[in-house]
Amino acid sequence: MTTQKRQPLEAQMLCMKNPCLKDDKIESPLLKEDNKDEEMTKSALAAFRAKEEEIEKRKTEVREKVEAQLGLVEKETKRLVGIQGELEALTDPMRKEASNICKRIDIITRDLKPLGLHCQKKEKEYKEAIEALNEKNMEKGQLIGKLVELLTESEKLRLKKLEELFKNI
């Protein structure tokens, strides 16, 4: 506190301690100063209370504005939730169908892997079987060729013997 404010407070304290000063009808310069200080204090207090009331009034105004904004935000939030629900309802059948198709694709892919391996195994067996068939066919062809040769030679020998027999007869 400044020295000017301390002096009136000290004077008030002095008056409180010495009631005789108050009883005297003679106003001393100290009492006049006390009255001025008291009036200044009252006016300062009134100004302070007015400021407090103004602050409270502004607080309530701001609170009301904030509550109004919150009400609007809540309404908009509810509206957005409704719109989101509608969008989910629109996309839900497609999403469900797509999900089912993806699941079926995964199942088929899992089934295809062993089938592909089985097919490769069968293709390998088929190639081996064709190779064996071709080998057997070649062997058969060679044997037929030998057989024809043998038959031809046998025919020739028989004919020779037959001719010899004919000559001998």
N, C-alpha and C. Protein backbone atom coordinates (compact mmCIF):
# COMPACT_ATOMS: atom_id res chain seq x y z
N MET A 1 0.84 -1.18 0.00
CA MET A 1 0.00 0.00 0.00
C MET A 1 0.88 1.23 0.00
N THR A 2 0.33 2.26 -0.57
CA THR A 2 1.10 3.51 -0.59
C THR A 2 0.97 4.21 0.75
N THR A 3 1.79 5.20 0.96
CA THR A 3 1.80 5.90 2.26
C THR A 3 0.53 6.68 2.48
N GLN A 4 -0.12 7.16 1.41
CA GLN A 4 -1.37 7.91 1.55
C GLN A 4 -2.47 7.01 2.07
N LYS A 5 -2.53 5.78 1.62
CA LYS A 5 -3.56 4.85 2.06
C LYS A 5 -3.28 4.36 3.47
N ARG A 6 -2.03 4.30 3.85
CA ARG A 6 -1.68 3.84 5.19
C ARG A 6 -2.12 4.84 6.23
N GLN A 7 -1.97 6.11 5.90
CA GLN A 7 -2.34 7.14 6.87
C GLN A 7 -3.82 7.07 7.23
N PRO A 8 -4.78 6.97 6.28
CA PRO A 8 -6.17 6.89 6.68
C PRO A 8 -6.45 5.64 7.49
N LEU A 9 -5.80 4.53 7.13
CA LEU A 9 -6.01 3.31 7.89
C LEU A 9 -5.51 3.48 9.31
N GLU A 10 -4.38 4.14 9.43
CA GLU A 10 -3.83 4.37 10.77
C GLU A 10 -4.75 5.28 11.55
N ALA A 11 -5.35 6.25 10.86
CA ALA A 11 -6.27 7.16 11.53
C ALA A 11 -7.51 6.41 11.97
N GLN A 12 -8.01 5.51 11.14
CA GLN A 12 -9.18 4.72 11.52
C GLN A 12 -8.84 3.84 12.71
N MET A 13 -7.70 3.26 12.70
CA MET A 13 -7.27 2.42 13.81
C MET A 13 -7.16 3.25 15.08
N LEU A 14 -6.68 4.47 14.93
CA LEU A 14 -6.54 5.36 16.08
C LEU A 14 -7.91 5.70 16.65
N CYS A 15 -8.89 5.95 15.76
CA CYS A 15 -10.24 6.28 16.20
C CYS A 15 -10.86 5.09 16.90
N MET A 16 -10.58 3.92 16.42
CA MET A 16 -11.14 2.73 17.03
C MET A 16 -10.54 2.52 18.42
N LYS A 17 -9.27 2.84 18.54
CA LYS A 17 -8.61 2.66 19.83
C LYS A 17 -9.03 3.74 20.81
N ASN A 18 -9.24 4.94 20.31
CA ASN A 18 -9.60 6.06 21.17
C ASN A 18 -11.01 6.51 20.86
N PRO A 19 -12.02 5.98 21.54
CA PRO A 19 -13.39 6.37 21.28
C PRO A 19 -13.65 7.82 21.65
N CYS A 20 -12.80 8.37 22.41
CA CYS A 20 -13.03 9.74 22.82
C CYS A 20 -12.94 10.68 21.64
N LEU A 21 -12.17 10.35 20.66
CA LEU A 21 -12.05 11.22 19.49
C LEU A 21 -13.36 11.25 18.73
N LYS A 22 -14.11 10.15 18.73
CA LYS A 22 -15.37 10.09 18.01
C LYS A 22 -16.43 10.86 18.76
N ASP A 23 -16.36 10.86 20.04
CA ASP A 23 -17.38 11.52 20.85
C ASP A 23 -17.27 13.02 20.76
N ASP A 24 -16.11 13.48 20.48
CA ASP A 24 -15.95 14.93 20.37
C ASP A 24 -16.66 15.40 19.14
N LYS A 25 -17.45 16.46 19.31
CA LYS A 25 -18.20 16.99 18.19
C LYS A 25 -17.31 17.84 17.33
N ILE A 26 -16.19 18.11 17.79
CA ILE A 26 -15.26 18.95 17.04
C ILE A 26 -14.58 18.05 16.02
N GLU A 27 -14.68 18.45 14.81
CA GLU A 27 -14.06 17.65 13.77
C GLU A 27 -12.62 18.10 13.60
N SER A 28 -11.79 17.20 13.80
CA SER A 28 -10.39 17.50 13.61
C SER A 28 -10.01 17.22 12.18
N PRO A 29 -8.91 17.74 11.75
CA PRO A 29 -8.48 17.48 10.38
C PRO A 29 -8.27 15.99 10.13
N LEU A 30 -7.95 15.29 11.20
CA LEU A 30 -7.77 13.84 11.05
C LEU A 30 -9.10 13.18 10.73
N LEU A 31 -10.19 13.60 11.37
CA LEU A 31 -11.50 13.03 11.12
C LEU A 31 -11.99 13.38 9.73
N LYS A 32 -11.73 14.61 9.32
CA LYS A 32 -12.13 15.00 7.96
C LYS A 32 -11.42 14.13 6.94
N GLU A 33 -10.18 13.90 7.21
CA GLU A 33 -9.40 13.05 6.29
C GLU A 33 -9.93 11.62 6.34
N ASP A 34 -10.32 11.17 7.54
CA ASP A 34 -10.89 9.84 7.68
C ASP A 34 -12.19 9.72 6.90
N ASN A 35 -13.02 10.75 6.98
CA ASN A 35 -14.29 10.75 6.25
C ASN A 35 -14.04 10.69 4.76
N LYS A 36 -13.06 11.48 4.32
CA LYS A 36 -12.72 11.46 2.88
C LYS A 36 -12.22 10.07 2.49
N ASP A 37 -11.38 9.53 3.33
CA ASP A 37 -10.85 8.20 3.05
C ASP A 37 -11.97 7.16 3.04
N GLU A 38 -12.90 7.31 4.00
CA GLU A 38 -14.01 6.39 4.09
C GLU A 38 -14.89 6.49 2.86
N GLU A 39 -15.14 7.71 2.43
CA GLU A 39 -15.94 7.92 1.22
C GLU A 39 -15.22 7.35 0.01
N MET A 40 -13.92 7.57 -0.04
CA MET A 40 -13.15 7.03 -1.15
C MET A 40 -13.18 5.50 -1.12
N THR A 41 -13.09 4.95 0.09
CA THR A 41 -13.13 3.50 0.23
C THR A 41 -14.48 2.98 -0.22
N LYS A 42 -15.56 3.68 0.23
CA LYS A 42 -16.91 3.26 -0.17
C LYS A 42 -17.09 3.36 -1.67
N SER A 43 -16.60 4.46 -2.25
CA SER A 43 -16.75 4.60 -3.71
C SER A 43 -15.91 3.56 -4.43
N ALA A 44 -14.71 3.29 -3.91
CA ALA A 44 -13.87 2.26 -4.51
C ALA A 44 -14.53 0.90 -4.37
N LEU A 45 -15.13 0.67 -3.19
CA LEU A 45 -15.83 -0.59 -2.97
C LEU A 45 -17.03 -0.71 -3.89
N ALA A 46 -17.76 0.38 -4.06
CA ALA A 46 -18.91 0.38 -4.96
C ALA A 46 -18.46 0.13 -6.40
N ALA A 47 -17.36 0.79 -6.78
CA ALA A 47 -16.82 0.58 -8.13
C ALA A 47 -16.38 -0.87 -8.31
N PHE A 48 -15.75 -1.39 -7.24
CA PHE A 48 -15.30 -2.78 -7.29
C PHE A 48 -16.49 -3.72 -7.44
N ARG A 49 -17.54 -3.46 -6.65
CA ARG A 49 -18.75 -4.30 -6.73
C ARG A 49 -19.40 -4.17 -8.11
N ALA A 50 -19.40 -2.96 -8.65
CA ALA A 50 -19.98 -2.75 -9.99
C ALA A 50 -19.18 -3.54 -11.01
N LYS A 51 -17.86 -3.51 -10.87
CA LYS A 51 -17.00 -4.28 -11.80
C LYS A 51 -17.28 -5.77 -11.63
N GLU A 52 -17.41 -6.21 -10.36
CA GLU A 52 -17.70 -7.62 -10.12
C GLU A 52 -19.03 -8.02 -10.75
N GLU A 53 -20.04 -7.17 -10.59
CA GLU A 53 -21.34 -7.45 -11.19
C GLU A 53 -21.25 -7.50 -12.70
N GLU A 54 -20.47 -6.57 -13.26
CA GLU A 54 -20.28 -6.56 -14.72
C GLU A 54 -19.58 -7.83 -15.17
N ILE A 55 -18.58 -8.24 -14.38
CA ILE A 55 -17.86 -9.48 -14.71
C ILE A 55 -18.80 -10.68 -14.62
N GLU A 56 -19.62 -10.72 -13.57
CA GLU A 56 -20.58 -11.81 -13.42
C GLU A 56 -21.57 -11.82 -14.58
N LYS A 57 -22.01 -10.61 -14.95
CA LYS A 57 -22.96 -10.50 -16.07
C LYS A 57 -22.32 -11.03 -17.34
N ARG A 58 -21.08 -10.64 -17.58
CA ARG A 58 -20.37 -11.14 -18.77
C ARG A 58 -20.17 -12.64 -18.70
N LYS A 59 -19.85 -13.13 -17.50
CA LYS A 59 -19.68 -14.57 -17.33
C LYS A 59 -20.95 -15.31 -17.73
N THR A 60 -22.09 -14.81 -17.24
CA THR A 60 -23.35 -15.48 -17.57
C THR A 60 -23.65 -15.38 -19.06
N GLU A 61 -23.33 -14.22 -19.66
CA GLU A 61 -23.54 -14.07 -21.10
C GLU A 61 -22.68 -15.07 -21.86
N VAL A 62 -21.41 -15.14 -21.47
CA VAL A 62 -20.49 -16.06 -22.15
C VAL A 62 -20.95 -17.50 -21.92
N ARG A 63 -21.37 -17.83 -20.68
CA ARG A 63 -21.85 -19.17 -20.37
C ARG A 63 -23.05 -19.51 -21.25
N GLU A 64 -23.98 -18.55 -21.38
CA GLU A 64 -25.16 -18.78 -22.21
C GLU A 64 -24.78 -18.98 -23.66
N LYS A 65 -23.83 -18.16 -24.14
CA LYS A 65 -23.38 -18.32 -25.54
C LYS A 65 -22.73 -19.69 -25.74
N VAL A 66 -21.89 -20.09 -24.77
CA VAL A 66 -21.21 -21.39 -24.88
C VAL A 66 -22.24 -22.52 -24.85
N GLU A 67 -23.23 -22.41 -23.94
CA GLU A 67 -24.26 -23.44 -23.87
C GLU A 67 -25.07 -23.50 -25.16
N ALA A 68 -25.33 -22.32 -25.74
CA ALA A 68 -26.05 -22.29 -27.02
C ALA A 68 -25.22 -22.96 -28.10
N GLN A 69 -23.92 -22.66 -28.13
CA GLN A 69 -23.04 -23.29 -29.12
C GLN A 69 -22.96 -24.79 -28.88
N LEU A 70 -22.89 -25.20 -27.63
CA LEU A 70 -22.86 -26.64 -27.33
C LEU A 70 -24.14 -27.32 -27.79
N GLY A 71 -25.28 -26.62 -27.60
CA GLY A 71 -26.55 -27.16 -28.08
C GLY A 71 -26.52 -27.36 -29.58
N LEU A 72 -25.99 -26.36 -30.30
CA LEU A 72 -25.88 -26.47 -31.76
C LEU A 72 -24.94 -27.62 -32.14
N VAL A 73 -23.84 -27.72 -31.42
CA VAL A 73 -22.88 -28.79 -31.71
C VAL A 73 -23.53 -30.15 -31.48
N GLU A 74 -24.29 -30.28 -30.40
CA GLU A 74 -24.97 -31.55 -30.13
C GLU A 74 -25.97 -31.89 -31.23
N LYS A 75 -26.72 -30.87 -31.69
CA LYS A 75 -27.68 -31.10 -32.77
C LYS A 75 -26.96 -31.56 -34.03
N GLU A 76 -25.87 -30.87 -34.35
CA GLU A 76 -25.11 -31.23 -35.56
C GLU A 76 -24.49 -32.62 -35.42
N THR A 77 -24.04 -32.94 -34.21
CA THR A 77 -23.47 -34.26 -33.99
C THR A 77 -24.52 -35.34 -34.21
N LYS A 78 -25.72 -35.11 -33.67
CA LYS A 78 -26.80 -36.06 -33.88
C LYS A 78 -27.14 -36.19 -35.36
N ARG A 79 -27.15 -35.06 -36.05
CA ARG A 79 -27.45 -35.07 -37.49
C ARG A 79 -26.37 -35.87 -38.24
N LEU A 80 -25.09 -35.64 -37.88
CA LEU A 80 -24.00 -36.36 -38.54
C LEU A 80 -24.06 -37.86 -38.24
N VAL A 81 -24.44 -38.20 -37.01
CA VAL A 81 -24.57 -39.63 -36.68
C VAL A 81 -25.67 -40.25 -37.53
N GLY A 82 -26.77 -39.52 -37.71
CA GLY A 82 -27.86 -40.02 -38.56
C GLY A 82 -27.40 -40.21 -40.00
N ILE A 83 -26.66 -39.23 -40.51
CA ILE A 83 -26.16 -39.32 -41.89
C ILE A 83 -25.19 -40.49 -42.02
N GLN A 84 -24.33 -40.65 -41.00
CA GLN A 84 -23.38 -41.77 -41.04
C GLN A 84 -24.12 -43.09 -41.03
N GLY A 85 -25.17 -43.19 -40.24
CA GLY A 85 -25.98 -44.41 -40.21
C GLY A 85 -26.61 -44.69 -41.56
N GLU A 86 -27.12 -43.63 -42.21
CA GLU A 86 -27.72 -43.80 -43.54
C GLU A 86 -26.68 -44.27 -44.54
N LEU A 87 -25.47 -43.67 -44.47
CA LEU A 87 -24.41 -44.08 -45.39
C LEU A 87 -24.01 -45.54 -45.16
N GLU A 88 -23.92 -45.92 -43.90
CA GLU A 88 -23.57 -47.31 -43.61
C GLU A 88 -24.66 -48.25 -44.10
N ALA A 89 -25.91 -47.81 -43.98
CA ALA A 89 -27.02 -48.63 -44.46
C ALA A 89 -26.95 -48.78 -45.98
N LEU A 90 -26.52 -47.71 -46.67
CA LEU A 90 -26.40 -47.78 -48.13
C LEU A 90 -25.25 -48.67 -48.56
N THR A 91 -24.12 -48.53 -47.89
CA THR A 91 -22.94 -49.29 -48.30
C THR A 91 -22.89 -50.67 -47.68
N ASP A 92 -23.66 -50.91 -46.62
CA ASP A 92 -23.60 -52.18 -45.90
C ASP A 92 -23.89 -53.38 -46.78
N PRO A 93 -24.98 -53.38 -47.60
CA PRO A 93 -25.22 -54.57 -48.42
C PRO A 93 -24.06 -54.84 -49.38
N MET A 94 -23.53 -53.78 -49.97
CA MET A 94 -22.42 -53.98 -50.90
C MET A 94 -21.19 -54.49 -50.16
N ARG A 95 -20.95 -53.93 -48.99
CA ARG A 95 -19.79 -54.33 -48.20
C ARG A 95 -19.93 -55.80 -47.79
N LYS A 96 -21.13 -56.18 -47.40
CA LYS A 96 -21.38 -57.55 -46.97
C LYS A 96 -21.18 -58.51 -48.14
N GLU A 97 -21.73 -58.12 -49.28
CA GLU A 97 -21.60 -58.96 -50.47
C GLU A 97 -20.14 -59.08 -50.89
N ALA A 98 -19.44 -57.95 -50.87
CA ALA A 98 -18.01 -57.96 -51.23
C ALA A 98 -17.22 -58.82 -50.25
N SER A 99 -17.56 -58.74 -48.99
CA SER A 99 -16.88 -59.54 -47.98
C SER A 99 -17.11 -61.03 -48.24
N ASN A 100 -18.34 -61.38 -48.57
CA ASN A 100 -18.65 -62.79 -48.87
C ASN A 100 -17.87 -63.27 -50.09
N ILE A 101 -17.81 -62.43 -51.11
CA ILE A 101 -17.07 -62.80 -52.32
C ILE A 101 -15.59 -62.98 -52.01
N CYS A 102 -15.03 -62.07 -51.19
CA CYS A 102 -13.62 -62.18 -50.81
C CYS A 102 -13.37 -63.48 -50.05
N LYS A 103 -14.29 -63.83 -49.16
CA LYS A 103 -14.15 -65.08 -48.41
C LYS A 103 -14.17 -66.28 -49.36
N ARG A 104 -15.09 -66.24 -50.32
CA ARG A 104 -15.18 -67.35 -51.28
C ARG A 104 -13.90 -67.44 -52.11
N ILE A 105 -13.37 -66.28 -52.51
CA ILE A 105 -12.12 -66.27 -53.28
C ILE A 105 -11.00 -66.88 -52.46
N ASP A 106 -10.91 -66.53 -51.18
CA ASP A 106 -9.88 -67.10 -50.31
C ASP A 106 -10.03 -68.61 -50.20
N ILE A 107 -11.26 -69.08 -50.06
CA ILE A 107 -11.51 -70.52 -49.95
C ILE A 107 -11.08 -71.22 -51.24
N ILE A 108 -11.46 -70.65 -52.38
CA ILE A 108 -11.10 -71.24 -53.67
C ILE A 108 -9.59 -71.23 -53.86
N THR A 109 -8.95 -70.14 -53.45
CA THR A 109 -7.49 -70.06 -53.57
C THR A 109 -6.83 -71.15 -52.75
N ARG A 110 -7.34 -71.36 -51.53
CA ARG A 110 -6.80 -72.43 -50.68
C ARG A 110 -7.03 -73.80 -51.33
N ASP A 111 -8.19 -73.99 -51.96
CA ASP A 111 -8.48 -75.25 -52.63
C ASP A 111 -7.63 -75.43 -53.88
N LEU A 112 -7.32 -74.33 -54.56
CA LEU A 112 -6.56 -74.40 -55.81
C LEU A 112 -5.11 -74.83 -55.57
N LYS A 113 -4.53 -74.43 -54.47
CA LYS A 113 -3.13 -74.78 -54.21
C LYS A 113 -2.90 -76.29 -54.23
N PRO A 114 -3.65 -77.05 -53.43
CA PRO A 114 -3.41 -78.50 -53.51
C PRO A 114 -3.81 -79.08 -54.87
N LEU A 115 -4.86 -78.52 -55.47
CA LEU A 115 -5.26 -79.02 -56.80
C LEU A 115 -4.17 -78.73 -57.82
N GLY A 116 -3.56 -77.56 -57.73
CA GLY A 116 -2.46 -77.24 -58.64
C GLY A 116 -1.29 -78.18 -58.46
N LEU A 117 -0.95 -78.47 -57.20
CA LEU A 117 0.14 -79.42 -56.94
C LEU A 117 -0.24 -80.81 -57.45
N HIS A 118 -1.49 -81.20 -57.22
CA HIS A 118 -1.97 -82.50 -57.70
C HIS A 118 -1.91 -82.56 -59.23
N CYS A 119 -2.32 -81.45 -59.86
CA CYS A 119 -2.29 -81.38 -61.32
C CYS A 119 -0.86 -81.49 -61.84
N GLN A 120 0.07 -80.77 -61.21
CA GLN A 120 1.47 -80.85 -61.63
C GLN A 120 2.00 -82.28 -61.48
N LYS A 121 1.61 -82.92 -60.37
CA LYS A 121 2.03 -84.29 -60.15
C LYS A 121 1.47 -85.20 -61.25
N LYS A 122 0.18 -85.01 -61.56
CA LYS A 122 -0.46 -85.83 -62.60
C LYS A 122 0.16 -85.55 -63.97
N GLU A 123 0.47 -84.27 -64.24
CA GLU A 123 1.12 -83.93 -65.52
C GLU A 123 2.46 -84.63 -65.63
N LYS A 124 3.19 -84.64 -64.52
CA LYS A 124 4.50 -85.32 -64.51
C LYS A 124 4.30 -86.82 -64.77
N GLU A 125 3.31 -87.40 -64.07
CA GLU A 125 3.01 -88.81 -64.28
C GLU A 125 2.58 -89.06 -65.72
N TYR A 126 1.78 -88.15 -66.28
CA TYR A 126 1.31 -88.29 -67.66
C TYR A 126 2.49 -88.26 -68.63
N LYS A 127 3.40 -87.30 -68.40
CA LYS A 127 4.57 -87.22 -69.27
C LYS A 127 5.41 -88.49 -69.17
N GLU A 128 5.56 -88.99 -67.95
CA GLU A 128 6.32 -90.23 -67.76
C GLU A 128 5.61 -91.40 -68.45
N ALA A 129 4.26 -91.41 -68.35
CA ALA A 129 3.50 -92.49 -68.99
C ALA A 129 3.63 -92.39 -70.51
N ILE A 130 3.56 -91.16 -71.05
CA ILE A 130 3.71 -91.00 -72.50
C ILE A 130 5.10 -91.42 -72.93
N GLU A 131 6.10 -91.06 -72.12
CA GLU A 131 7.47 -91.45 -72.44
C GLU A 131 7.60 -92.97 -72.45
N ALA A 132 7.02 -93.60 -71.43
CA ALA A 132 7.06 -95.07 -71.35
C ALA A 132 6.31 -95.68 -72.54
N LEU A 133 5.16 -95.09 -72.90
CA LEU A 133 4.38 -95.57 -74.04
C LEU A 133 5.21 -95.46 -75.33
N ASN A 134 5.83 -94.31 -75.50
CA ASN A 134 6.65 -94.11 -76.71
C ASN A 134 7.81 -95.11 -76.75
N GLU A 135 8.44 -95.33 -75.59
CA GLU A 135 9.53 -96.31 -75.54
C GLU A 135 9.02 -97.71 -75.91
N LYS A 136 7.88 -98.07 -75.35
CA LYS A 136 7.30 -99.38 -75.65
C LYS A 136 6.91 -99.48 -77.12
N ASN A 137 6.35 -98.38 -77.66
CA ASN A 137 6.01 -98.38 -79.09
C ASN A 137 7.26 -98.54 -79.96
N MET A 138 8.33 -97.85 -79.55
CA MET A 138 9.58 -97.99 -80.33
C MET A 138 10.10 -99.43 -80.22
N GLU A 139 10.06 -99.95 -79.00
CA GLU A 139 10.50 -101.33 -78.79
C GLU A 139 9.65 -102.29 -79.60
N LYS A 140 8.33 -102.03 -79.59
CA LYS A 140 7.41 -102.86 -80.37
C LYS A 140 7.75 -102.78 -81.86
N GLY A 141 8.01 -101.54 -82.31
CA GLY A 141 8.37 -101.35 -83.72
C GLY A 141 9.64 -102.11 -84.08
N GLN A 142 10.60 -102.06 -83.19
CA GLN A 142 11.85 -102.78 -83.43
C GLN A 142 11.61 -104.30 -83.45
N LEU A 143 10.79 -104.74 -82.49
CA LEU A 143 10.51 -106.17 -82.44
C LEU A 143 9.73 -106.63 -83.68
N ILE A 144 8.78 -105.77 -84.11
CA ILE A 144 8.02 -106.11 -85.34
C ILE A 144 8.99 -106.17 -86.51
N GLY A 145 9.91 -105.20 -86.53
CA GLY A 145 10.91 -105.22 -87.61
C GLY A 145 11.73 -106.50 -87.59
N LYS A 146 12.16 -106.94 -86.40
CA LYS A 146 12.92 -108.18 -86.27
C LYS A 146 12.06 -109.37 -86.67
N LEU A 147 10.79 -109.32 -86.22
CA LEU A 147 9.88 -110.41 -86.54
C LEU A 147 9.71 -110.53 -88.06
N VAL A 148 9.51 -109.40 -88.68
CA VAL A 148 9.36 -109.41 -90.14
C VAL A 148 10.64 -109.96 -90.77
N GLU A 149 11.75 -109.55 -90.26
CA GLU A 149 13.02 -110.05 -90.78
C GLU A 149 13.13 -111.57 -90.61
N LEU A 150 12.81 -111.99 -89.38
CA LEU A 150 12.88 -113.42 -89.09
C LEU A 150 11.90 -114.20 -89.98
N LEU A 151 10.70 -113.65 -90.09
CA LEU A 151 9.71 -114.32 -90.93
C LEU A 151 10.19 -114.38 -92.39
N THR A 152 10.73 -113.27 -92.81
CA THR A 152 11.24 -113.25 -94.18
C THR A 152 12.36 -114.27 -94.35
N GLU A 153 13.26 -114.33 -93.44
CA GLU A 153 14.35 -115.31 -93.51
C GLU A 153 13.81 -116.74 -93.41
N SER A 154 12.86 -116.89 -92.48
CA SER A 154 12.26 -118.21 -92.32
C SER A 154 11.56 -118.63 -93.60
N GLU A 155 10.86 -117.73 -94.24
CA GLU A 155 10.18 -118.00 -95.51
C GLU A 155 11.21 -118.40 -96.56
N LYS A 156 12.27 -117.62 -96.56
CA LYS A 156 13.31 -117.91 -97.56
C LYS A 156 13.88 -119.31 -97.32
N LEU A 157 14.16 -119.63 -96.08
CA LEU A 157 14.71 -120.95 -95.76
C LEU A 157 13.71 -122.06 -96.11
N ARG A 158 12.47 -121.82 -95.80
CA ARG A 158 11.46 -122.82 -96.13
C ARG A 158 11.35 -123.00 -97.64
N LEU A 159 11.38 -121.89 -98.30
CA LEU A 159 11.31 -121.98 -99.76
C LEU A 159 12.54 -122.73 -100.31
N LYS A 160 13.65 -122.47 -99.72
CA LYS A 160 14.86 -123.16 -100.16
C LYS A 160 14.72 -124.66 -99.90
N LYS A 161 14.28 -125.00 -98.71
CA LYS A 161 14.12 -126.40 -98.37
C LYS A 161 13.05 -127.05 -99.26
N LEU A 162 12.03 -126.27 -99.48
CA LEU A 162 10.97 -126.78 -100.33
C LEU A 162 11.51 -127.01 -101.76
N GLU A 163 12.28 -126.12 -102.21
CA GLU A 163 12.87 -126.26 -103.53
C GLU A 163 13.84 -127.44 -103.55
N GLU A 164 14.56 -127.58 -102.52
CA GLU A 164 15.48 -128.71 -102.43
C GLU A 164 14.70 -130.02 -102.39
N LEU A 165 13.63 -130.00 -101.65
CA LEU A 165 12.78 -131.18 -101.60
C LEU A 165 12.18 -131.45 -102.98
N PHE A 166 11.82 -130.45 -103.61
CA PHE A 166 11.29 -130.58 -104.95
C PHE A 166 12.35 -131.12 -105.90
N LYS A 167 13.49 -130.66 -105.73
CA LYS A 167 14.58 -131.12 -106.60
C LYS A 167 14.92 -132.57 -106.27
N ASN A 168 14.79 -132.90 -105.07
CA ASN A 168 15.11 -134.25 -104.65
C ASN A 168 13.96 -135.21 -105.05
N ILE A 169 12.92 -134.80 -105.21
CA ILE A 169 11.81 -135.68 -105.55
C ILE A 169 11.91 -135.95 -106.98
